[in-house]
Every structure is written in structure tokens, then in C-alpha cells.
N, C-alpha and C. Protein backbone atom coordinates (compact mmCIF):
# COMPACT_ATOMS: atom_id res chain seq x y z
N SER A 1 -55.48 -168.21 -120.92
CA SER A 1 -54.35 -168.63 -121.62
C SER A 1 -54.62 -169.80 -122.66
N PRO A 2 -53.95 -169.83 -123.78
CA PRO A 2 -54.22 -170.82 -124.79
C PRO A 2 -53.95 -172.23 -124.28
N ALA A 3 -54.68 -173.18 -124.80
CA ALA A 3 -54.48 -174.63 -124.44
C ALA A 3 -53.11 -175.03 -125.03
N PRO A 4 -52.53 -176.01 -124.41
CA PRO A 4 -51.24 -176.56 -124.94
C PRO A 4 -51.53 -177.29 -126.28
N PRO A 5 -50.58 -177.41 -127.14
CA PRO A 5 -50.78 -178.19 -128.37
C PRO A 5 -51.23 -179.62 -128.06
N LEU A 6 -52.14 -180.12 -128.98
CA LEU A 6 -52.59 -181.44 -128.82
C LEU A 6 -52.21 -182.26 -130.00
N ALA A 7 -51.48 -183.39 -129.81
CA ALA A 7 -51.08 -184.24 -130.90
C ALA A 7 -52.19 -185.25 -131.22
N LEU A 8 -52.58 -185.32 -132.43
CA LEU A 8 -53.58 -186.39 -132.86
C LEU A 8 -52.91 -187.11 -134.01
N VAL A 9 -52.51 -188.31 -133.75
CA VAL A 9 -51.80 -189.21 -134.68
C VAL A 9 -52.92 -190.06 -135.37
N ASN A 10 -52.99 -190.02 -136.65
CA ASN A 10 -53.95 -190.80 -137.51
C ASN A 10 -55.41 -190.55 -136.93
N PRO A 11 -55.85 -189.27 -136.85
CA PRO A 11 -57.14 -188.99 -136.29
C PRO A 11 -58.22 -189.49 -137.27
N ARG A 12 -59.34 -189.85 -136.65
CA ARG A 12 -60.46 -190.35 -137.43
C ARG A 12 -61.70 -189.78 -136.72
N VAL A 13 -62.61 -189.26 -137.60
CA VAL A 13 -63.89 -188.75 -137.08
C VAL A 13 -64.78 -189.85 -136.72
N VAL A 14 -65.22 -189.87 -135.46
CA VAL A 14 -66.12 -190.92 -134.94
C VAL A 14 -67.52 -190.43 -135.08
N GLU A 15 -67.72 -189.14 -134.86
CA GLU A 15 -69.06 -188.57 -134.84
C GLU A 15 -68.97 -187.10 -135.17
N ALA A 16 -69.82 -186.69 -136.12
CA ALA A 16 -69.91 -185.23 -136.55
C ALA A 16 -71.35 -184.81 -136.53
N ALA A 17 -71.64 -183.67 -135.94
CA ALA A 17 -73.05 -183.27 -135.84
C ALA A 17 -73.07 -181.69 -135.87
N ASP A 18 -74.21 -181.15 -135.87
CA ASP A 18 -74.46 -179.66 -135.88
C ASP A 18 -73.70 -178.93 -136.98
N PRO A 19 -74.01 -179.34 -138.28
CA PRO A 19 -73.37 -178.68 -139.40
C PRO A 19 -73.88 -177.27 -139.55
N ARG A 20 -72.96 -176.38 -139.83
CA ARG A 20 -73.28 -174.96 -139.99
C ARG A 20 -72.36 -174.32 -141.15
N ARG A 21 -72.97 -173.40 -141.87
CA ARG A 21 -72.24 -172.65 -142.86
C ARG A 21 -71.47 -171.59 -142.14
N ASP A 22 -70.16 -171.55 -142.47
CA ASP A 22 -69.34 -170.54 -141.76
C ASP A 22 -68.10 -170.20 -142.60
N PHE A 23 -67.34 -169.20 -142.14
CA PHE A 23 -66.14 -168.73 -142.77
C PHE A 23 -65.13 -169.86 -142.85
N ASP A 24 -64.36 -169.96 -143.91
CA ASP A 24 -63.23 -170.88 -143.95
C ASP A 24 -62.16 -170.24 -144.83
N GLY A 25 -60.90 -170.68 -144.60
CA GLY A 25 -59.79 -170.19 -145.31
C GLY A 25 -58.62 -171.07 -145.03
N CYS A 26 -57.56 -170.87 -145.77
CA CYS A 26 -56.43 -171.79 -145.56
C CYS A 26 -55.15 -171.13 -146.13
N LEU A 27 -54.07 -171.46 -145.41
CA LEU A 27 -52.77 -170.87 -145.84
C LEU A 27 -52.31 -171.49 -147.18
N SER A 28 -52.99 -172.56 -147.60
CA SER A 28 -52.68 -173.15 -148.94
C SER A 28 -53.19 -172.20 -150.03
N PHE A 29 -54.04 -171.30 -149.75
CA PHE A 29 -54.55 -170.29 -150.68
C PHE A 29 -54.64 -168.91 -150.01
N PRO A 30 -53.46 -168.34 -149.70
CA PRO A 30 -53.42 -167.04 -149.03
C PRO A 30 -54.31 -165.94 -149.67
N GLY A 31 -55.12 -165.35 -148.87
CA GLY A 31 -55.98 -164.27 -149.39
C GLY A 31 -57.32 -164.64 -149.99
N LEU A 32 -57.50 -166.03 -150.07
CA LEU A 32 -58.72 -166.59 -150.57
C LEU A 32 -59.61 -167.15 -149.40
N TYR A 33 -60.90 -166.87 -149.38
CA TYR A 33 -61.76 -167.31 -148.29
C TYR A 33 -63.01 -167.86 -148.88
N GLY A 34 -63.82 -168.50 -148.06
CA GLY A 34 -65.04 -169.11 -148.52
C GLY A 34 -65.96 -169.43 -147.35
N GLU A 35 -67.15 -169.87 -147.77
CA GLU A 35 -68.12 -170.27 -146.75
C GLU A 35 -68.29 -171.80 -147.07
N THR A 36 -68.06 -172.63 -146.00
CA THR A 36 -68.26 -173.99 -146.14
C THR A 36 -69.16 -174.49 -145.02
N VAL A 37 -69.69 -175.69 -145.17
CA VAL A 37 -70.49 -176.27 -144.08
C VAL A 37 -69.57 -177.25 -143.38
N ARG A 38 -69.40 -177.10 -142.04
CA ARG A 38 -68.66 -177.98 -141.25
C ARG A 38 -69.37 -178.28 -139.93
N PRO A 39 -69.03 -179.38 -139.38
CA PRO A 39 -69.68 -179.68 -138.08
C PRO A 39 -69.20 -178.85 -136.92
N HIS A 40 -70.08 -178.45 -136.09
CA HIS A 40 -69.68 -177.71 -134.83
C HIS A 40 -69.64 -178.60 -133.63
N TYR A 41 -69.83 -179.91 -133.89
CA TYR A 41 -69.69 -180.96 -132.82
C TYR A 41 -68.85 -182.06 -133.58
N LEU A 42 -67.68 -182.39 -132.96
CA LEU A 42 -66.82 -183.39 -133.66
C LEU A 42 -66.25 -184.29 -132.54
N ARG A 43 -66.39 -185.59 -132.69
CA ARG A 43 -65.76 -186.54 -131.78
C ARG A 43 -64.77 -187.26 -132.61
N VAL A 44 -63.45 -187.23 -132.13
CA VAL A 44 -62.34 -187.80 -132.89
C VAL A 44 -61.63 -188.85 -132.04
N ALA A 45 -61.26 -189.98 -132.74
CA ALA A 45 -60.44 -191.01 -132.13
C ALA A 45 -59.02 -190.90 -132.76
N ALA A 46 -57.93 -191.02 -132.01
CA ALA A 46 -56.68 -190.92 -132.55
C ALA A 46 -55.67 -191.60 -131.55
N LEU A 47 -54.45 -191.50 -131.91
CA LEU A 47 -53.32 -191.87 -130.92
C LEU A 47 -52.72 -190.61 -130.51
N ASP A 48 -52.28 -190.56 -129.16
CA ASP A 48 -51.49 -189.43 -128.66
C ASP A 48 -50.09 -189.57 -129.15
N GLU A 49 -49.20 -188.65 -128.68
CA GLU A 49 -47.81 -188.66 -129.18
C GLU A 49 -47.03 -189.81 -128.56
N TYR A 50 -47.60 -190.58 -127.65
CA TYR A 50 -46.97 -191.85 -127.14
C TYR A 50 -47.52 -193.09 -127.69
N GLY A 51 -48.48 -192.94 -128.58
CA GLY A 51 -49.11 -194.10 -129.23
C GLY A 51 -50.34 -194.59 -128.47
N ASN A 52 -50.77 -193.96 -127.46
CA ASN A 52 -51.91 -194.41 -126.66
C ASN A 52 -53.12 -193.86 -127.31
N PRO A 53 -54.23 -194.79 -127.39
CA PRO A 53 -55.52 -194.40 -127.97
C PRO A 53 -56.15 -193.27 -127.12
N ILE A 54 -56.72 -192.28 -127.86
CA ILE A 54 -57.41 -191.22 -127.14
C ILE A 54 -58.67 -190.87 -127.89
N GLU A 55 -59.62 -190.31 -127.32
CA GLU A 55 -60.83 -189.82 -127.91
C GLU A 55 -61.12 -188.41 -127.39
N ARG A 56 -61.44 -187.50 -128.27
CA ARG A 56 -61.71 -186.12 -127.84
C ARG A 56 -62.91 -185.58 -128.53
N VAL A 57 -63.60 -184.71 -127.83
CA VAL A 57 -64.80 -184.03 -128.42
C VAL A 57 -64.37 -182.51 -128.57
N PHE A 58 -64.62 -182.00 -129.77
CA PHE A 58 -64.45 -180.62 -130.06
C PHE A 58 -65.72 -179.92 -130.43
N LEU A 59 -65.85 -178.69 -129.95
CA LEU A 59 -67.05 -177.93 -130.17
C LEU A 59 -66.84 -176.58 -130.88
N ASP A 60 -67.82 -176.17 -131.60
CA ASP A 60 -67.81 -174.86 -132.31
C ASP A 60 -66.54 -174.62 -133.08
N PHE A 61 -65.78 -173.50 -132.87
CA PHE A 61 -64.62 -173.24 -133.70
C PHE A 61 -63.58 -174.29 -133.66
N ASP A 62 -63.38 -174.94 -132.43
CA ASP A 62 -62.44 -175.96 -132.39
C ASP A 62 -62.81 -177.17 -133.28
N ALA A 63 -64.12 -177.48 -133.34
CA ALA A 63 -64.59 -178.56 -134.18
C ALA A 63 -64.30 -178.21 -135.64
N VAL A 64 -64.63 -176.99 -136.01
CA VAL A 64 -64.33 -176.59 -137.40
C VAL A 64 -62.89 -176.66 -137.77
N LEU A 65 -62.01 -176.17 -136.80
CA LEU A 65 -60.54 -176.22 -137.08
C LEU A 65 -60.04 -177.61 -137.20
N VAL A 66 -60.47 -178.49 -136.28
CA VAL A 66 -59.96 -179.93 -136.33
C VAL A 66 -60.42 -180.59 -137.53
N HIS A 67 -61.70 -180.37 -137.93
CA HIS A 67 -62.27 -180.94 -139.17
C HIS A 67 -61.46 -180.50 -140.41
N HIS A 68 -61.14 -179.22 -140.42
CA HIS A 68 -60.40 -178.62 -141.50
C HIS A 68 -59.00 -179.36 -141.61
N GLU A 69 -58.32 -179.57 -140.44
CA GLU A 69 -57.03 -180.11 -140.48
C GLU A 69 -57.11 -181.63 -140.81
N ILE A 70 -58.11 -182.38 -140.38
CA ILE A 70 -58.27 -183.77 -140.74
C ILE A 70 -58.48 -183.81 -142.22
N ASP A 71 -59.21 -182.86 -142.78
CA ASP A 71 -59.48 -182.89 -144.26
C ASP A 71 -58.12 -182.90 -144.98
N HIS A 72 -57.21 -182.03 -144.48
CA HIS A 72 -55.82 -181.97 -145.14
C HIS A 72 -55.20 -183.38 -145.15
N LEU A 73 -55.31 -184.06 -144.05
CA LEU A 73 -54.70 -185.45 -144.01
C LEU A 73 -55.38 -186.37 -145.02
N ASP A 74 -56.60 -186.07 -145.34
CA ASP A 74 -57.36 -186.94 -146.25
C ASP A 74 -57.26 -186.33 -147.69
N GLY A 75 -56.45 -185.33 -147.88
CA GLY A 75 -56.28 -184.76 -149.23
C GLY A 75 -57.42 -183.85 -149.72
N ILE A 76 -58.11 -183.34 -148.75
CA ILE A 76 -59.28 -182.44 -149.11
C ILE A 76 -58.88 -181.01 -148.66
N LEU A 77 -59.09 -180.05 -149.53
CA LEU A 77 -58.90 -178.63 -149.24
C LEU A 77 -60.24 -177.89 -149.02
N PHE A 78 -60.20 -176.84 -148.38
CA PHE A 78 -61.46 -176.12 -148.08
C PHE A 78 -62.17 -175.71 -149.40
N ILE A 79 -61.41 -175.55 -150.47
CA ILE A 79 -62.13 -175.18 -151.76
C ILE A 79 -62.90 -176.37 -152.30
N ASP A 80 -62.55 -177.60 -151.88
CA ASP A 80 -63.29 -178.77 -152.32
C ASP A 80 -64.73 -178.82 -151.63
N ARG A 81 -64.83 -178.08 -150.51
CA ARG A 81 -66.07 -178.13 -149.75
C ARG A 81 -66.96 -176.87 -150.15
N ILE A 82 -66.54 -176.06 -151.04
CA ILE A 82 -67.36 -174.91 -151.47
C ILE A 82 -68.48 -175.44 -152.27
N GLU A 83 -69.74 -175.11 -151.93
CA GLU A 83 -70.93 -175.62 -152.56
C GLU A 83 -71.27 -174.86 -153.84
N ARG A 84 -71.06 -173.47 -153.71
CA ARG A 84 -71.40 -172.58 -154.84
C ARG A 84 -70.20 -171.72 -155.19
N PRO A 85 -69.88 -171.53 -156.47
CA PRO A 85 -68.72 -170.68 -156.79
C PRO A 85 -68.81 -169.31 -156.12
N GLU A 86 -69.92 -168.75 -155.94
CA GLU A 86 -70.09 -167.41 -155.32
C GLU A 86 -69.77 -167.38 -153.80
N ASP A 87 -69.55 -168.57 -153.23
CA ASP A 87 -69.13 -168.71 -151.84
C ASP A 87 -67.64 -168.58 -151.68
N LEU A 88 -66.90 -168.43 -152.76
CA LEU A 88 -65.46 -168.28 -152.75
C LEU A 88 -65.12 -166.81 -153.09
N TYR A 89 -64.31 -166.23 -152.24
CA TYR A 89 -64.04 -164.76 -152.44
C TYR A 89 -62.69 -164.36 -151.84
N HIS A 90 -62.25 -163.17 -152.29
CA HIS A 90 -61.12 -162.50 -151.76
C HIS A 90 -61.64 -161.24 -151.14
N ILE A 91 -60.78 -160.55 -150.34
CA ILE A 91 -61.24 -159.31 -149.71
C ILE A 91 -60.39 -158.17 -150.20
N ARG A 92 -61.05 -157.05 -150.39
CA ARG A 92 -60.31 -155.78 -150.79
C ARG A 92 -60.95 -154.63 -150.09
N GLU A 93 -60.28 -153.53 -150.13
CA GLU A 93 -60.87 -152.32 -149.51
C GLU A 93 -61.65 -151.50 -150.56
N ASP A 94 -62.81 -151.04 -150.17
CA ASP A 94 -63.60 -150.21 -151.15
C ASP A 94 -63.05 -148.74 -151.02
N GLU A 95 -63.77 -147.87 -151.73
CA GLU A 95 -63.30 -146.44 -151.77
C GLU A 95 -63.42 -145.76 -150.41
N PHE A 96 -64.13 -146.34 -149.47
CA PHE A 96 -64.30 -145.74 -148.10
C PHE A 96 -63.39 -146.50 -147.08
N GLY A 97 -62.48 -147.34 -147.52
CA GLY A 97 -61.61 -148.05 -146.66
C GLY A 97 -62.19 -149.24 -145.90
N ARG A 98 -63.38 -149.64 -146.29
CA ARG A 98 -64.07 -150.79 -145.74
C ARG A 98 -63.64 -152.02 -146.44
N GLN A 99 -63.51 -153.12 -145.68
CA GLN A 99 -63.21 -154.35 -146.34
C GLN A 99 -64.46 -155.04 -146.92
N VAL A 100 -64.42 -155.35 -148.24
CA VAL A 100 -65.58 -155.98 -148.86
C VAL A 100 -65.17 -157.33 -149.53
N ARG A 101 -66.19 -158.23 -149.56
CA ARG A 101 -65.92 -159.49 -150.24
C ARG A 101 -66.07 -159.25 -151.77
N VAL A 102 -65.17 -159.88 -152.46
CA VAL A 102 -65.14 -159.92 -153.93
C VAL A 102 -65.27 -161.36 -154.38
N PRO A 103 -66.45 -161.80 -154.72
CA PRO A 103 -66.60 -163.23 -155.14
C PRO A 103 -65.84 -163.48 -156.47
N LEU A 104 -65.47 -164.75 -156.57
CA LEU A 104 -64.87 -165.25 -157.80
C LEU A 104 -66.10 -165.57 -158.69
N THR A 105 -66.26 -164.84 -159.78
CA THR A 105 -67.51 -165.04 -160.53
C THR A 105 -67.25 -165.45 -161.98
N THR A 106 -66.02 -165.42 -162.46
CA THR A 106 -65.74 -165.78 -163.83
C THR A 106 -64.66 -166.84 -163.90
N PRO A 107 -64.66 -167.66 -164.92
CA PRO A 107 -63.58 -168.69 -165.04
C PRO A 107 -62.21 -168.03 -164.87
N LEU A 108 -61.97 -166.77 -165.40
CA LEU A 108 -60.72 -166.12 -165.37
C LEU A 108 -60.37 -165.88 -163.82
N ASP A 109 -61.32 -165.55 -163.03
CA ASP A 109 -61.06 -165.38 -161.57
C ASP A 109 -60.43 -166.57 -160.96
N PHE A 110 -60.96 -167.75 -161.29
CA PHE A 110 -60.45 -169.05 -160.77
C PHE A 110 -59.06 -169.33 -161.27
N ILE A 111 -58.79 -169.00 -162.58
CA ILE A 111 -57.55 -169.23 -163.12
C ILE A 111 -56.46 -168.36 -162.50
N ARG A 112 -56.84 -167.13 -162.32
CA ARG A 112 -55.91 -166.15 -161.61
C ARG A 112 -55.43 -166.70 -160.27
N TRP A 113 -56.31 -167.34 -159.53
CA TRP A 113 -56.03 -167.93 -158.18
C TRP A 113 -55.42 -169.35 -158.31
N GLY A 114 -55.14 -169.76 -159.55
CA GLY A 114 -54.48 -171.08 -159.67
C GLY A 114 -55.38 -172.28 -159.41
N MET A 115 -56.66 -172.09 -159.62
CA MET A 115 -57.65 -173.01 -159.22
C MET A 115 -58.38 -173.52 -160.51
N PRO A 116 -58.89 -174.76 -160.50
CA PRO A 116 -59.63 -175.28 -161.61
C PRO A 116 -61.01 -174.53 -161.66
N VAL A 117 -61.43 -174.30 -162.91
CA VAL A 117 -62.78 -173.70 -163.03
C VAL A 117 -63.82 -174.72 -162.64
N PRO A 118 -64.77 -174.33 -161.76
CA PRO A 118 -65.86 -175.28 -161.32
C PRO A 118 -66.62 -175.84 -162.47
N PRO A 119 -66.94 -177.16 -162.43
CA PRO A 119 -67.67 -177.78 -163.58
C PRO A 119 -68.91 -176.97 -163.97
N ARG A 120 -69.70 -176.52 -163.05
CA ARG A 120 -70.92 -175.79 -163.37
C ARG A 120 -70.60 -174.57 -164.16
N MET A 121 -69.57 -173.87 -163.80
CA MET A 121 -69.22 -172.63 -164.51
C MET A 121 -68.66 -172.95 -165.94
N ARG A 122 -67.97 -174.12 -166.05
CA ARG A 122 -67.53 -174.47 -167.38
C ARG A 122 -68.75 -174.81 -168.26
N LYS A 123 -69.67 -175.45 -167.72
CA LYS A 123 -70.89 -175.78 -168.48
C LYS A 123 -71.63 -174.53 -168.95
N GLN A 124 -71.74 -173.52 -168.04
CA GLN A 124 -72.40 -172.34 -168.41
C GLN A 124 -71.64 -171.60 -169.50
N GLN A 125 -70.31 -171.61 -169.43
CA GLN A 125 -69.44 -171.03 -170.45
C GLN A 125 -69.64 -171.63 -171.85
N GLU A 126 -69.81 -173.00 -171.76
CA GLU A 126 -70.00 -173.76 -173.04
C GLU A 126 -71.44 -173.64 -173.57
N GLY A 127 -72.31 -173.06 -172.71
CA GLY A 127 -73.70 -172.92 -173.17
C GLY A 127 -74.60 -174.16 -172.93
N THR A 128 -74.12 -175.04 -172.03
CA THR A 128 -74.94 -176.22 -171.70
C THR A 128 -75.49 -176.03 -170.30
N PRO A 129 -76.69 -176.60 -169.95
CA PRO A 129 -77.32 -176.40 -168.65
C PRO A 129 -76.55 -177.17 -167.55
């Protein structure tokens, strides 16, 4: 059975380790996915729902999830953690009904998703290295 909800008030990362590249996505950008590097070991200090200090360790997917949510509190979205534009994609079905990744490869792709064009892609478009 799933664990009960855990309240983390003003969480702060105390320790992060074991970074890995993995799938990421967010309801802030429905249908858009990416590969980000996030810790798979995360130790967090926070207050519980009663104002008591607590510290918790999260592993693997739980660590990724908590790190993603703490990012939101810090004003960071998963797209801010994308290292290469080709790591950002949407999914569509191919002619055989299989789901395939379709990377965002042009400035227009980013604009269609309501996102700023990555600086590196802008420089390439302008013809500068």
C-alpha cells in the first residue's frame, strides 16, 4: 500500500548524492518530457505539519521526486535542468502504433511549447559559435 502523505514545510536539501540522468516531466508542461540529472540519494531537513523539525532520507525515485518538488519551491522547473536541447521531447505514435520520442530541435519547436529558445540554439540561428 502507498505511504501516507508526508508534509515537508520549508524543506532544505542537507545532502545530495548519486546523481543520475533520468526521465523527468511536470504538469507545468503537459506532454513535454526530458532527461535531467538528479540525485538518487537526498537528505532533507524540514518542519512537519506541527512545526517540529524533521530530517528524512529519500532514495532513488523518491529522491528524484522530492528534489523535483523542492525545485518548484525554489522557482526552478525541470526544463531549467535540461543540459542539451535534444534532451527535451514530446511523445507521439509512429506508423506502427509505437510511442517514439520527438525531440525539440528547432527554435519554432520551443516557441510552440511556450518556452524560451535555448541560448545555444539562438546563437546557432544567428550564425555565431
